[in-house]
Amino acid sequence: MKSKPTIPATPAARLSSVIKSARAIMRKDAGLNGDLDRIPEFSWILFLKAFDDLEQRREITEKDYRPAIRKPFRWRDWASDPNKGVTGDELLKFVNDKLFPHLRGLVGTNGERDQRAVIAEVFRETFTRFRSGYLLRDVVNLVNGINFNTADDIHTMAHLYETMLKEMRDAAGDSGEFYTPRPVIRFIVQMVQPKLGETIFDPACGTGGFLVEAYELLKKQVKTKQDRETLQYRTLRGVEKKPMPYLLGMMNLLLHEIDRPNLSRSNALIRPLNEIGDKDRVDIIVTNPPFGGEEEKGIQLNFPEATRCSETALLFLQL
């Protein structure tokens, strides 16, 4: 096994400065209007940098590790060198015509939901709204200065990222139904008191707040390698139908060291209620469905006639 290189941690002040500078640059781009555009844009860039750091660590520590993203689409191939990397219209063309189509086309090994399948889901409906490839390159160069190689880096970035999500919720107004305040999330999860080994499901997971809070609470119960694998891969499940909160949720879970988030891009109400069987059961459901939302007729028909309605929250209560 190769020795793992030592990379200095990025101080919290430096991370905060990077985020502030990146957002200032994005304000200059004519295609990005407000935080509802800028934060998702920043998220896919951050996702690819964080994921490449994770891949490089695993290439060193795991002898037979097979990278999910191959040349020339890895962050290190097109983004890491500020002097030799493409910029301007050439960068926009690469991202739109080559990078995103490649990521969307990744397929899990033997049809399984591994990291390739996760990446394909993340980028299925992700597009860049940048109109200036030069400004995009400036943001990429800033993010390249972040190292996701220590627990301190990851935890600090996760905290700052959640702060951005809160700001985005505040900016969203009526569109902010998928963001639940952190104190409310923490209170609900603490009242439920999940135990390691139980399955936890959020059918309207938004940016993943309930799942992250459950993960942080359950981490305290981990004592063995098997416990950690149970928590990482067999405990948390989420569904989110909107592409933007789905991307933000994937990034949120990745930053909290959940390296293969079990989130699906779908509508949890899409299956007929009578087709949900024992294999679909979970131990705990924690969620805050979008109150005031309305579902189309096709979704309403999945529920018994006596309890059928258009109100999204009331349909979620029947799951």
C-alpha atoms as a PDB file:
ATOM      1  CA  MET A   1       0.000   0.000   0.000  1.00  0.00           C
ATOM      2  CA  LYS A   2       1.347   3.424  -0.942  1.00  0.00           C
ATOM      3  CA  SER A   3       1.901   5.949   1.791  1.00  0.00           C
ATOM      4  CA  LYS A   4      -0.695   8.691   1.977  1.00  0.00           C
ATOM      5  CA  PRO A   5       0.688  12.178   1.269  1.00  0.00           C
ATOM      6  CA  THR A   6       0.248  14.796   3.940  1.00  0.00           C
ATOM      7  CA  ILE A   7      -1.695  17.816   2.714  1.00  0.00           C
ATOM      8  CA  PRO A   8      -2.132  20.811   5.008  1.00  0.00           C
ATOM      9  CA  ALA A   9      -5.643  21.544   6.176  1.00  0.00           C
ATOM     10  CA  THR A  10      -7.418  24.553   4.760  1.00  0.00           C
ATOM     11  CA  PRO A  11      -8.150  26.985   7.617  1.00  0.00           C
ATOM     12  CA  ALA A  12     -11.781  27.920   8.221  1.00  0.00           C
ATOM     13  CA  ALA A  13     -11.015  31.553   7.416  1.00  0.00           C
ATOM     14  CA  ARG A  14      -9.507  30.526   4.077  1.00  0.00           C
ATOM     15  CA  LEU A  15     -12.537  28.390   3.185  1.00  0.00           C
ATOM     16  CA  SER A  16     -14.885  31.219   4.082  1.00  0.00           C
ATOM     17  CA  SER A  17     -12.818  33.603   1.953  1.00  0.00           C
ATOM     18  CA  VAL A  18     -12.922  31.221  -1.022  1.00  0.00           C
ATOM     19  CA  ILE A  19     -16.714  30.991  -0.846  1.00  0.00           C
ATOM     20  CA  LYS A  20     -17.101  34.754  -0.503  1.00  0.00           C
ATOM     21  CA  SER A  21     -14.780  35.404  -3.451  1.00  0.00           C
ATOM     22  CA  ALA A  22     -16.474  32.777  -5.624  1.00  0.00           C
ATOM     23  CA  ARG A  23     -19.899  34.274  -4.986  1.00  0.00           C
ATOM     24  CA  ALA A  24     -18.556  37.754  -5.794  1.00  0.00           C
ATOM     25  CA  ILE A  25     -17.242  36.467  -9.132  1.00  0.00           C
ATOM     26  CA  MET A  26     -20.542  34.751  -9.952  1.00  0.00           C
ATOM     27  CA  ARG A  27     -22.423  38.015  -9.369  1.00  0.00           C
ATOM     28  CA  LYS A  28     -20.612  39.381 -12.430  1.00  0.00           C
ATOM     29  CA  ASP A  29     -22.012  36.704 -14.742  1.00  0.00           C
ATOM     30  CA  ALA A  30     -25.110  37.742 -16.681  1.00  0.00           C
ATOM     31  CA  GLY A  31     -26.512  34.213 -16.607  1.00  0.00           C
ATOM     32  CA  LEU A  32     -26.616  33.913 -12.820  1.00  0.00           C
ATOM     33  CA  ASN A  33     -29.413  35.815 -11.116  1.00  0.00           C
ATOM     34  CA  GLY A  34     -29.341  35.635  -7.329  1.00  0.00           C
ATOM     35  CA  ASP A  35     -28.423  32.842  -4.923  1.00  0.00           C
ATOM     36  CA  LEU A  36     -31.046  30.523  -6.428  1.00  0.00           C
ATOM     37  CA  ASP A  37     -28.784  30.371  -9.502  1.00  0.00           C
ATOM     38  CA  ARG A  38     -25.378  30.861  -7.927  1.00  0.00           C
ATOM     39  CA  ILE A  39     -25.449  28.273  -5.129  1.00  0.00           C
ATOM     40  CA  PRO A  40     -26.441  25.306  -7.351  1.00  0.00           C
ATOM     41  CA  GLU A  41     -23.751  26.424  -9.820  1.00  0.00           C
ATOM     42  CA  PHE A  42     -21.177  26.536  -7.043  1.00  0.00           C
ATOM     43  CA  SER A  43     -22.417  23.138  -5.842  1.00  0.00           C
ATOM     44  CA  TRP A  44     -21.644  21.134  -8.979  1.00  0.00           C
ATOM     45  CA  ILE A  45     -18.168  22.675  -9.132  1.00  0.00           C
ATOM     46  CA  LEU A  46     -17.616  21.895  -5.452  1.00  0.00           C
ATOM     47  CA  PHE A  47     -18.995  18.375  -5.952  1.00  0.00           C
ATOM     48  CA  LEU A  48     -16.458  17.515  -8.671  1.00  0.00           C
ATOM     49  CA  LYS A  49     -13.527  18.868  -6.634  1.00  0.00           C
ATOM     50  CA  ALA A  50     -14.590  17.041  -3.471  1.00  0.00           C
ATOM     51  CA  PHE A  51     -15.232  13.831  -5.389  1.00  0.00           C
ATOM     52  CA  ASP A  52     -11.837  13.944  -7.115  1.00  0.00           C
ATOM     53  CA  ASP A  53     -10.093  14.404  -3.756  1.00  0.00           C
ATOM     54  CA  LEU A  54     -12.023  11.376  -2.481  1.00  0.00           C
ATOM     55  CA  GLU A  55     -11.009   9.352  -5.548  1.00  0.00           C
ATOM     56  CA  GLN A  56      -7.337  10.272  -5.174  1.00  0.00           C
ATOM     57  CA  ARG A  57      -7.380   9.181  -1.529  1.00  0.00           C
ATOM     58  CA  ARG A  58      -8.965   5.849  -2.407  1.00  0.00           C
ATOM     59  CA  GLU A  59      -6.525   5.268  -5.289  1.00  0.00           C
ATOM     60  CA  ILE A  60      -3.731   5.465  -2.711  1.00  0.00           C
ATOM     61  CA  THR A  61      -5.294   3.521   0.147  1.00  0.00           C
ATOM     62  CA  GLU A  62      -7.229   0.841  -1.790  1.00  0.00           C
ATOM     63  CA  LYS A  63      -5.099  -1.405  -3.989  1.00  0.00           C
ATOM     64  CA  ASP A  64      -7.820  -2.460  -6.447  1.00  0.00           C
ATOM     65  CA  TYR A  65      -9.842   0.744  -6.459  1.00  0.00           C
ATOM     66  CA  ARG A  66     -11.313   1.603  -9.858  1.00  0.00           C
ATOM     67  CA  PRO A  67     -12.002   5.334 -10.274  1.00  0.00           C
ATOM     68  CA  ALA A  68     -15.569   6.263 -11.132  1.00  0.00           C
ATOM     69  CA  ILE A  69     -14.504   9.177 -13.362  1.00  0.00           C
ATOM     70  CA  ARG A  70     -11.777   8.567 -15.949  1.00  0.00           C
ATOM     71  CA  LYS A  71      -9.480  10.828 -17.996  1.00  0.00           C
ATOM     72  CA  PRO A  72      -9.946  13.503 -19.300  1.00  0.00           C
ATOM     73  CA  PHE A  73     -13.025  14.211 -17.185  1.00  0.00           C
ATOM     74  CA  ARG A  74     -11.482  14.084 -13.709  1.00  0.00           C
ATOM     75  CA  TRP A  75     -11.139  17.414 -11.929  1.00  0.00           C
ATOM     76  CA  ARG A  76      -7.352  17.031 -11.918  1.00  0.00           C
ATOM     77  CA  ASP A  77      -7.345  16.710 -15.731  1.00  0.00           C
ATOM     78  CA  TRP A  78      -9.234  19.845 -16.734  1.00  0.00           C
ATOM     79  CA  ALA A  79      -9.514  22.081 -13.670  1.00  0.00           C
ATOM     80  CA  SER A  80      -6.500  21.766 -11.391  1.00  0.00           C
ATOM     81  CA  ASP A  81      -3.893  23.725 -13.391  1.00  0.00           C
ATOM     82  CA  PRO A  82      -4.830  27.429 -13.539  1.00  0.00           C
ATOM     83  CA  ASN A  83      -2.099  28.113 -16.113  1.00  0.00           C
ATOM     84  CA  LYS A  84      -2.720  25.275 -18.582  1.00  0.00           C
ATOM     85  CA  GLY A  85      -6.440  24.663 -18.120  1.00  0.00           C
ATOM     86  CA  VAL A  86      -8.892  25.754 -20.800  1.00  0.00           C
ATOM     87  CA  THR A  87     -10.896  28.921 -20.261  1.00  0.00           C
ATOM     88  CA  GLY A  88     -13.374  31.210 -22.011  1.00  0.00           C
ATOM     89  CA  ASP A  89     -15.670  29.764 -24.676  1.00  0.00           C
ATOM     90  CA  GLU A  90     -13.484  26.659 -24.910  1.00  0.00           C
ATOM     91  CA  LEU A  91     -14.166  25.856 -21.245  1.00  0.00           C
ATOM     92  CA  LEU A  92     -17.926  26.373 -21.614  1.00  0.00           C
ATOM     93  CA  LYS A  93     -17.929  24.130 -24.690  1.00  0.00           C
ATOM     94  CA  PHE A  94     -16.003  21.415 -22.823  1.00  0.00           C
ATOM     95  CA  VAL A  95     -18.358  21.542 -19.827  1.00  0.00           C
ATOM     96  CA  ASN A  96     -21.583  21.606 -21.860  1.00  0.00           C
ATOM     97  CA  ASP A  97     -20.664  19.324 -24.759  1.00  0.00           C
ATOM     98  CA  LYS A  98     -18.244  16.838 -23.200  1.00  0.00           C
ATOM     99  CA  LEU A  99     -18.034  16.862 -19.389  1.00  0.00           C
ATOM    100  CA  PHE A 100     -21.733  16.876 -18.479  1.00  0.00           C
ATOM    101  CA  PRO A 101     -22.764  14.353 -21.184  1.00  0.00           C
ATOM    102  CA  HIS A 102     -20.004  12.001 -20.008  1.00  0.00           C
ATOM    103  CA  LEU A 103     -21.046  12.267 -16.355  1.00  0.00           C
ATOM    104  CA  ARG A 104     -24.714  11.722 -17.227  1.00  0.00           C
ATOM    105  CA  GLY A 105     -23.766   8.621 -19.190  1.00  0.00           C
ATOM    106  CA  LEU A 106     -21.915   6.826 -16.372  1.00  0.00           C
ATOM    107  CA  VAL A 107     -23.395   3.423 -15.544  1.00  0.00           C
ATOM    108  CA  GLY A 108     -23.064   1.422 -12.333  1.00  0.00           C
ATOM    109  CA  THR A 109     -20.994  -1.767 -12.375  1.00  0.00           C
ATOM    110  CA  ASN A 110     -23.188  -4.777 -13.199  1.00  0.00           C
ATOM    111  CA  GLY A 111     -26.235  -2.544 -12.985  1.00  0.00           C
ATOM    112  CA  GLU A 112     -25.616  -1.767  -9.301  1.00  0.00           C
ATOM    113  CA  ARG A 113     -26.113   1.643  -7.704  1.00  0.00           C
ATOM    114  CA  ASP A 114     -22.451   2.454  -7.122  1.00  0.00           C
ATOM    115  CA  GLN A 115     -20.676   5.807  -7.346  1.00  0.00           C
ATOM    116  CA  ARG A 116     -20.973   5.941 -11.142  1.00  0.00           C
ATOM    117  CA  ALA A 117     -24.728   5.628 -10.932  1.00  0.00           C
ATOM    118  CA  VAL A 118     -24.807   8.294  -8.207  1.00  0.00           C
ATOM    119  CA  ILE A 119     -22.821  10.740 -10.360  1.00  0.00           C
ATOM    120  CA  ALA A 120     -25.065  10.076 -13.365  1.00  0.00           C
ATOM    121  CA  GLU A 121     -28.119  10.909 -11.242  1.00  0.00           C
ATOM    122  CA  VAL A 122     -26.520  14.080  -9.876  1.00  0.00           C
ATOM    123  CA  PHE A 123     -25.792  15.420 -13.359  1.00  0.00           C
ATOM    124  CA  ARG A 124     -28.893  14.106 -15.116  1.00  0.00           C
ATOM    125  CA  GLU A 125     -30.503  17.565 -15.021  1.00  0.00           C
ATOM    126  CA  THR A 126     -27.524  19.724 -14.080  1.00  0.00           C
ATOM    127  CA  PHE A 127     -26.597  22.481 -16.513  1.00  0.00           C
ATOM    128  CA  THR A 128     -24.299  25.458 -16.230  1.00  0.00           C
ATOM    129  CA  ARG A 129     -25.874  28.895 -16.506  1.00  0.00           C
ATOM    130  CA  PHE A 130     -22.495  30.614 -16.767  1.00  0.00           C
ATOM    131  CA  ARG A 131     -22.290  32.796 -19.858  1.00  0.00           C
ATOM    132  CA  SER A 132     -18.636  33.671 -19.343  1.00  0.00           C
ATOM    133  CA  GLY A 133     -16.116  30.859 -19.437  1.00  0.00           C
ATOM    134  CA  TYR A 134     -13.543  33.250 -18.008  1.00  0.00           C
ATOM    135  CA  LEU A 135     -15.619  33.815 -14.869  1.00  0.00           C
ATOM    136  CA  LEU A 136     -16.242  30.061 -14.627  1.00  0.00           C
ATOM    137  CA  ARG A 137     -12.471  29.492 -14.783  1.00  0.00           C
ATOM    138  CA  ASP A 138     -11.965  32.065 -12.004  1.00  0.00           C
ATOM    139  CA  VAL A 139     -14.410  30.173  -9.759  1.00  0.00           C
ATOM    140  CA  VAL A 140     -12.812  26.824 -10.650  1.00  0.00           C
ATOM    141  CA  ASN A 141      -9.389  28.206  -9.727  1.00  0.00           C
ATOM    142  CA  LEU A 142     -10.703  29.342  -6.344  1.00  0.00           C
ATOM    143  CA  VAL A 143     -12.349  25.993  -5.586  1.00  0.00           C
ATOM    144  CA  ASN A 144      -9.130  24.265  -6.612  1.00  0.00           C
ATOM    145  CA  GLY A 145      -7.558  25.824  -3.523  1.00  0.00           C
ATOM    146  CA  ILE A 146      -9.842  23.768  -1.247  1.00  0.00           C
ATOM    147  CA  ASN A 147      -8.478  20.425  -0.034  1.00  0.00           C
ATOM    148  CA  PHE A 148     -11.052  17.821   0.966  1.00  0.00           C
ATOM    149  CA  ASN A 149      -8.383  15.632   2.487  1.00  0.00           C
ATOM    150  CA  THR A 150      -8.860  15.967   6.230  1.00  0.00           C
ATOM    151  CA  ALA A 151     -11.855  15.579   8.525  1.00  0.00           C
ATOM    152  CA  ASP A 152     -11.392  19.191   9.661  1.00  0.00           C
ATOM    153  CA  ASP A 153     -11.567  20.464   6.074  1.00  0.00           C
ATOM    154  CA  ILE A 154     -14.696  18.468   5.340  1.00  0.00           C
ATOM    155  CA  HIS A 155     -16.489  19.417   8.556  1.00  0.00           C
ATOM    156  CA  THR A 156     -15.641  23.095   8.122  1.00  0.00           C
ATOM    157  CA  MET A 157     -16.803  23.085   4.513  1.00  0.00           C
ATOM    158  CA  ALA A 158     -19.995  21.243   5.490  1.00  0.00           C
ATOM    159  CA  HIS A 159     -20.780  23.928   8.076  1.00  0.00           C
ATOM    160  CA  LEU A 160     -20.168  26.741   5.596  1.00  0.00           C
ATOM    161  CA  TYR A 161     -22.207  24.944   2.949  1.00  0.00           C
ATOM    162  CA  GLU A 162     -25.170  24.589   5.287  1.00  0.00           C
ATOM    163  CA  THR A 163     -24.912  28.316   5.992  1.00  0.00           C
ATOM    164  CA  MET A 164     -25.231  28.916   2.247  1.00  0.00           C
ATOM    165  CA  LEU A 165     -28.266  26.632   2.095  1.00  0.00           C
ATOM    166  CA  LYS A 166     -29.901  28.673   4.850  1.00  0.00           C
ATOM    167  CA  GLU A 167     -29.238  31.856   2.895  1.00  0.00           C
ATOM    168  CA  MET A 168     -30.692  30.202  -0.172  1.00  0.00           C
ATOM    169  CA  ARG A 169     -33.789  29.211   1.791  1.00  0.00           C
ATOM    170  CA  ASP A 170     -34.193  32.805   2.949  1.00  0.00           C
ATOM    171  CA  ALA A 171     -33.793  34.055  -0.627  1.00  0.00           C
ATOM    172  CA  ALA A 172     -36.207  31.486  -2.035  1.00  0.00           C
ATOM    173  CA  GLY A 173     -39.349  32.964  -0.486  1.00  0.00           C
ATOM    174  CA  ASP A 174     -42.319  30.915  -1.677  1.00  0.00           C
ATOM    175  CA  SER A 175     -39.959  28.559  -3.502  1.00  0.00           C
ATOM    176  CA  GLY A 176     -38.241  27.579  -0.282  1.00  0.00           C
ATOM    177  CA  GLU A 177     -40.524  24.696   0.636  1.00  0.00           C
ATOM    178  CA  PHE A 178     -37.704  22.164   0.506  1.00  0.00           C
ATOM    179  CA  TYR A 179     -35.609  23.841   3.226  1.00  0.00           C
ATOM    180  CA  THR A 180     -36.404  23.114   6.875  1.00  0.00           C
ATOM    181  CA  PRO A 181     -34.651  25.222   9.557  1.00  0.00           C
ATOM    182  CA  ARG A 182     -31.816  23.333  11.234  1.00  0.00           C
ATOM    183  CA  PRO A 183     -33.177  23.709  14.828  1.00  0.00           C
ATOM    184  CA  VAL A 184     -36.472  22.121  13.713  1.00  0.00           C
ATOM    185  CA  ILE A 185     -34.624  19.255  12.034  1.00  0.00           C
ATOM    186  CA  ARG A 186     -32.441  18.661  15.084  1.00  0.00           C
ATOM    187  CA  PHE A 187     -35.438  18.662  17.442  1.00  0.00           C
ATOM    188  CA  ILE A 188     -37.382  16.150  15.336  1.00  0.00           C
ATOM    189  CA  VAL A 189     -34.455  13.751  14.942  1.00  0.00           C
ATOM    190  CA  GLN A 190     -33.638  13.912  18.652  1.00  0.00           C
ATOM    191  CA  MET A 191     -37.265  13.157  19.525  1.00  0.00           C
ATOM    192  CA  VAL A 192     -37.278  10.129  17.211  1.00  0.00           C
ATOM    193  CA  GLN A 193     -34.061   8.809  18.836  1.00  0.00           C
ATOM    194  CA  PRO A 194     -32.837   6.588  15.959  1.00  0.00           C
ATOM    195  CA  LYS A 195     -30.632   3.605  16.764  1.00  0.00           C
ATOM    196  CA  LEU A 196     -27.822   2.161  14.677  1.00  0.00           C
ATOM    197  CA  GLY A 197     -29.196  -0.651  12.528  1.00  0.00           C
ATOM    198  CA  GLU A 198     -32.535   1.046  11.886  1.00  0.00           C
ATOM    199  CA  THR A 199     -33.355   2.274   8.379  1.00  0.00           C
ATOM    200  CA  ILE A 200     -34.230   5.963   8.089  1.00  0.00           C
ATOM    201  CA  PHE A 201     -36.144   7.398   5.143  1.00  0.00           C
ATOM    202  CA  ASP A 202     -37.020  10.912   4.020  1.00  0.00           C
ATOM    203  CA  PRO A 203     -39.444  10.760   1.061  1.00  0.00           C
ATOM    204  CA  ALA A 204     -39.162  14.513   0.401  1.00  0.00           C
ATOM    205  CA  CYS A 205     -35.545  15.008   1.409  1.00  0.00           C
ATOM    206  CA  GLY A 206     -34.793  18.374  -0.221  1.00  0.00           C
ATOM    207  CA  THR A 207     -31.193  19.254   0.614  1.00  0.00           C
ATOM    208  CA  GLY A 208     -30.798  16.268   2.940  1.00  0.00           C
ATOM    209  CA  GLY A 209     -31.046  18.042   6.291  1.00  0.00           C
ATOM    210  CA  PHE A 210     -32.913  15.273   8.137  1.00  0.00           C
ATOM    211  CA  LEU A 211     -30.565  12.577   6.821  1.00  0.00           C
ATOM    212  CA  VAL A 212     -27.458  14.574   7.741  1.00  0.00           C
ATOM    213  CA  GLU A 213     -28.760  15.204  11.260  1.00  0.00           C
ATOM    214  CA  ALA A 214     -29.602  11.507  11.705  1.00  0.00           C
ATOM    215  CA  TYR A 215     -26.133  10.577  10.442  1.00  0.00           C
ATOM    216  CA  GLU A 216     -24.412  12.935  12.875  1.00  0.00           C
ATOM    217  CA  LEU A 217     -26.435  11.514  15.778  1.00  0.00           C
ATOM    218  CA  LEU A 218     -25.835   7.876  14.787  1.00  0.00           C
ATOM    219  CA  LYS A 219     -22.080   8.426  14.334  1.00  0.00           C
ATOM    220  CA  LYS A 220     -21.814   8.512  18.121  1.00  0.00           C
ATOM    221  CA  GLN A 221     -23.064   4.903  18.227  1.00  0.00           C
ATOM    222  CA  VAL A 222     -20.418   3.562  15.810  1.00  0.00           C
ATOM    223  CA  LYS A 223     -17.879   1.297  17.512  1.00  0.00           C
ATOM    224  CA  THR A 224     -16.633  -1.097  14.805  1.00  0.00           C
ATOM    225  CA  LYS A 225     -15.847  -1.122  11.084  1.00  0.00           C
ATOM    226  CA  GLN A 226     -19.054  -3.093  10.527  1.00  0.00           C
ATOM    227  CA  ASP A 227     -21.020  -0.413  12.389  1.00  0.00           C
ATOM    228  CA  ARG A 228     -19.537   2.248  10.122  1.00  0.00           C
ATOM    229  CA  GLU A 229     -20.435   0.291   6.972  1.00  0.00           C
ATOM    230  CA  THR A 230     -23.970  -0.181   8.272  1.00  0.00           C
ATOM    231  CA  LEU A 231     -24.315   3.562   8.844  1.00  0.00           C
ATOM    232  CA  GLN A 232     -22.714   4.494   5.522  1.00  0.00           C
ATOM    233  CA  TYR A 233     -24.492   2.091   3.190  1.00  0.00           C
ATOM    234  CA  ARG A 234     -27.551   0.522   4.815  1.00  0.00           C
ATOM    235  CA  THR A 235     -29.151   3.173   7.014  1.00  0.00           C
ATOM    236  CA  LEU A 236     -30.126   6.367   5.176  1.00  0.00           C
ATOM    237  CA  ARG A 237     -32.453   6.691   2.190  1.00  0.00           C
ATOM    238  CA  GLY A 238     -34.006   9.715   0.553  1.00  0.00           C
ATOM    239  CA  VAL A 239     -36.118  10.718  -2.438  1.00  0.00           C
ATOM    240  CA  GLU A 240     -36.323  14.173  -3.999  1.00  0.00           C
ATOM    241  CA  LYS A 241     -38.172  15.006  -7.211  1.00  0.00           C
ATOM    242  CA  LYS A 242     -36.701  18.427  -8.010  1.00  0.00           C
ATOM    243  CA  PRO A 243     -33.256  18.545  -9.674  1.00  0.00           C
ATOM    244  CA  MET A 244     -31.871  21.564  -7.810  1.00  0.00           C
ATOM    245  CA  PRO A 245     -32.472  20.409  -4.209  1.00  0.00           C
ATOM    246  CA  TYR A 246     -31.401  16.905  -5.268  1.00  0.00           C
ATOM    247  CA  LEU A 247     -27.985  18.216  -6.354  1.00  0.00           C
ATOM    248  CA  LEU A 248     -27.680  20.269  -3.159  1.00  0.00           C
ATOM    249  CA  GLY A 249     -28.655  17.261  -1.050  1.00  0.00           C
ATOM    250  CA  MET A 250     -26.075  15.015  -2.711  1.00  0.00           C
ATOM    251  CA  MET A 251     -23.403  17.634  -2.094  1.00  0.00           C
ATOM    252  CA  ASN A 252     -24.536  18.062   1.514  1.00  0.00           C
ATOM    253  CA  LEU A 253     -24.291  14.328   2.260  1.00  0.00           C
ATOM    254  CA  LEU A 254     -20.956  14.006   0.471  1.00  0.00           C
ATOM    255  CA  LEU A 255     -19.530  16.837   2.568  1.00  0.00           C
ATOM    256  CA  HIS A 256     -20.662  14.993   5.693  1.00  0.00           C
ATOM    257  CA  GLU A 257     -18.515  12.001   4.613  1.00  0.00           C
ATOM    258  CA  ILE A 258     -21.364   9.895   3.237  1.00  0.00           C
ATOM    259  CA  ASP A 259     -19.416   8.845   0.155  1.00  0.00           C
ATOM    260  CA  ARG A 260     -22.257   6.974  -1.599  1.00  0.00           C
ATOM    261  CA  PRO A 261     -25.486   8.826  -0.767  1.00  0.00           C
ATOM    262  CA  ASN A 262     -28.607   6.713  -1.280  1.00  0.00           C
ATOM    263  CA  LEU A 263     -30.758   9.492  -2.710  1.00  0.00           C
ATOM    264  CA  SER A 264     -33.084   8.958  -5.664  1.00  0.00           C
ATOM    265  CA  ARG A 265     -34.303  11.592  -8.128  1.00  0.00           C
ATOM    266  CA  SER A 266     -37.974  10.742  -8.232  1.00  0.00           C
ATOM    267  CA  ASN A 267     -41.382  11.460  -6.742  1.00  0.00           C
ATOM    268  CA  ALA A 268     -42.039   9.277  -3.687  1.00  0.00           C
ATOM    269  CA  LEU A 269     -45.755   9.447  -4.512  1.00  0.00           C
ATOM    270  CA  ILE A 270     -45.372   7.950  -7.980  1.00  0.00           C
ATOM    271  CA  ARG A 271     -46.141   4.329  -6.997  1.00  0.00           C
ATOM    272  CA  PRO A 272     -49.688   3.125  -6.294  1.00  0.00           C
ATOM    273  CA  LEU A 273     -50.137   2.842  -2.542  1.00  0.00           C
ATOM    274  CA  ASN A 274     -51.241  -0.800  -2.776  1.00  0.00           C
ATOM    275  CA  GLU A 275     -47.956  -1.732  -4.493  1.00  0.00           C
ATOM    276  CA  ILE A 276     -45.812  -0.630  -1.551  1.00  0.00           C
ATOM    277  CA  GLY A 277     -44.968  -3.879   0.237  1.00  0.00           C
ATOM    278  CA  ASP A 278     -42.848  -5.306   3.038  1.00  0.00           C
ATOM    279  CA  LYS A 279     -39.603  -4.946   1.068  1.00  0.00           C
ATOM    280  CA  ASP A 280     -40.183  -1.195   0.954  1.00  0.00           C
ATOM    281  CA  ARG A 281     -40.696  -0.810   4.684  1.00  0.00           C
ATOM    282  CA  VAL A 282     -38.310   1.241   6.818  1.00  0.00           C
ATOM    283  CA  ASP A 283     -37.985   1.704  10.560  1.00  0.00           C
ATOM    284  CA  ILE A 284     -38.186   5.499  10.710  1.00  0.00           C
ATOM    285  CA  ILE A 285     -39.559   8.219   8.446  1.00  0.00           C
ATOM    286  CA  VAL A 286     -38.439  11.787   9.125  1.00  0.00           C
ATOM    287  CA  THR A 287     -39.606  14.409   6.676  1.00  0.00           C
ATOM    288  CA  ASN A 288     -41.175  17.802   6.153  1.00  0.00           C
ATOM    289  CA  PRO A 289     -43.197  17.498   2.933  1.00  0.00           C
ATOM    290  CA  PRO A 290     -44.013  20.658   0.976  1.00  0.00           C
ATOM    291  CA  PHE A 291     -47.194  22.000   2.557  1.00  0.00           C
ATOM    292  CA  GLY A 292     -49.375  23.857   0.107  1.00  0.00           C
ATOM    293  CA  GLY A 293     -48.080  21.855  -2.855  1.00  0.00           C
ATOM    294  CA  GLU A 294     -50.466  20.183  -5.272  1.00  0.00           C
ATOM    295  CA  GLU A 295     -50.079  16.916  -7.178  1.00  0.00           C
ATOM    296  CA  GLU A 296     -51.292  16.157 -10.684  1.00  0.00           C
ATOM    297  CA  LYS A 297     -54.216  13.818 -11.383  1.00  0.00           C
ATOM    298  CA  GLY A 298     -51.957  10.907 -12.310  1.00  0.00           C
ATOM    299  CA  ILE A 299     -50.341  10.980  -8.856  1.00  0.00           C
ATOM    300  CA  GLN A 300     -53.689  11.298  -7.079  1.00  0.00           C
ATOM    301  CA  LEU A 301     -54.903   8.090  -8.754  1.00  0.00           C
ATOM    302  CA  ASN A 302     -52.205   6.149  -6.860  1.00  0.00           C
ATOM    303  CA  PHE A 303     -54.241   6.554  -3.660  1.00  0.00           C
ATOM    304  CA  PRO A 304     -57.573   5.062  -2.493  1.00  0.00           C
ATOM    305  CA  GLU A 305     -60.585   7.006  -3.709  1.00  0.00           C
ATOM    306  CA  ALA A 306     -61.733   7.731  -0.144  1.00  0.00           C
ATOM    307  CA  THR A 307     -58.477   9.516   0.747  1.00  0.00           C
ATOM    308  CA  ARG A 308     -57.569  10.901  -2.670  1.00  0.00           C
ATOM    309  CA  CYS A 309     -56.752  14.618  -2.849  1.00  0.00           C
ATOM    310  CA  SER A 310     -54.420  17.072  -4.548  1.00  0.00           C
ATOM    311  CA  GLU A 311     -52.687  18.320  -1.355  1.00  0.00           C
ATOM    312  CA  THR A 312     -49.100  17.015  -1.435  1.00  0.00           C
ATOM    313  CA  ALA A 313     -48.607  16.888   2.346  1.00  0.00           C
ATOM    314  CA  LEU A 314     -51.800  14.860   2.903  1.00  0.00           C
ATOM    315  CA  LEU A 315     -50.703  12.312   0.315  1.00  0.00           C
ATOM    316  CA  PHE A 316     -47.315  11.959   2.018  1.00  0.00           C
ATOM    317  CA  LEU A 317     -49.060  11.188   5.302  1.00  0.00           C
ATOM    318  CA  GLN A 318     -50.560   8.082   3.679  1.00  0.00           C
ATOM    319  CA  LEU A 319     -47.222   6.504   2.749  1.00  0.00           C
END
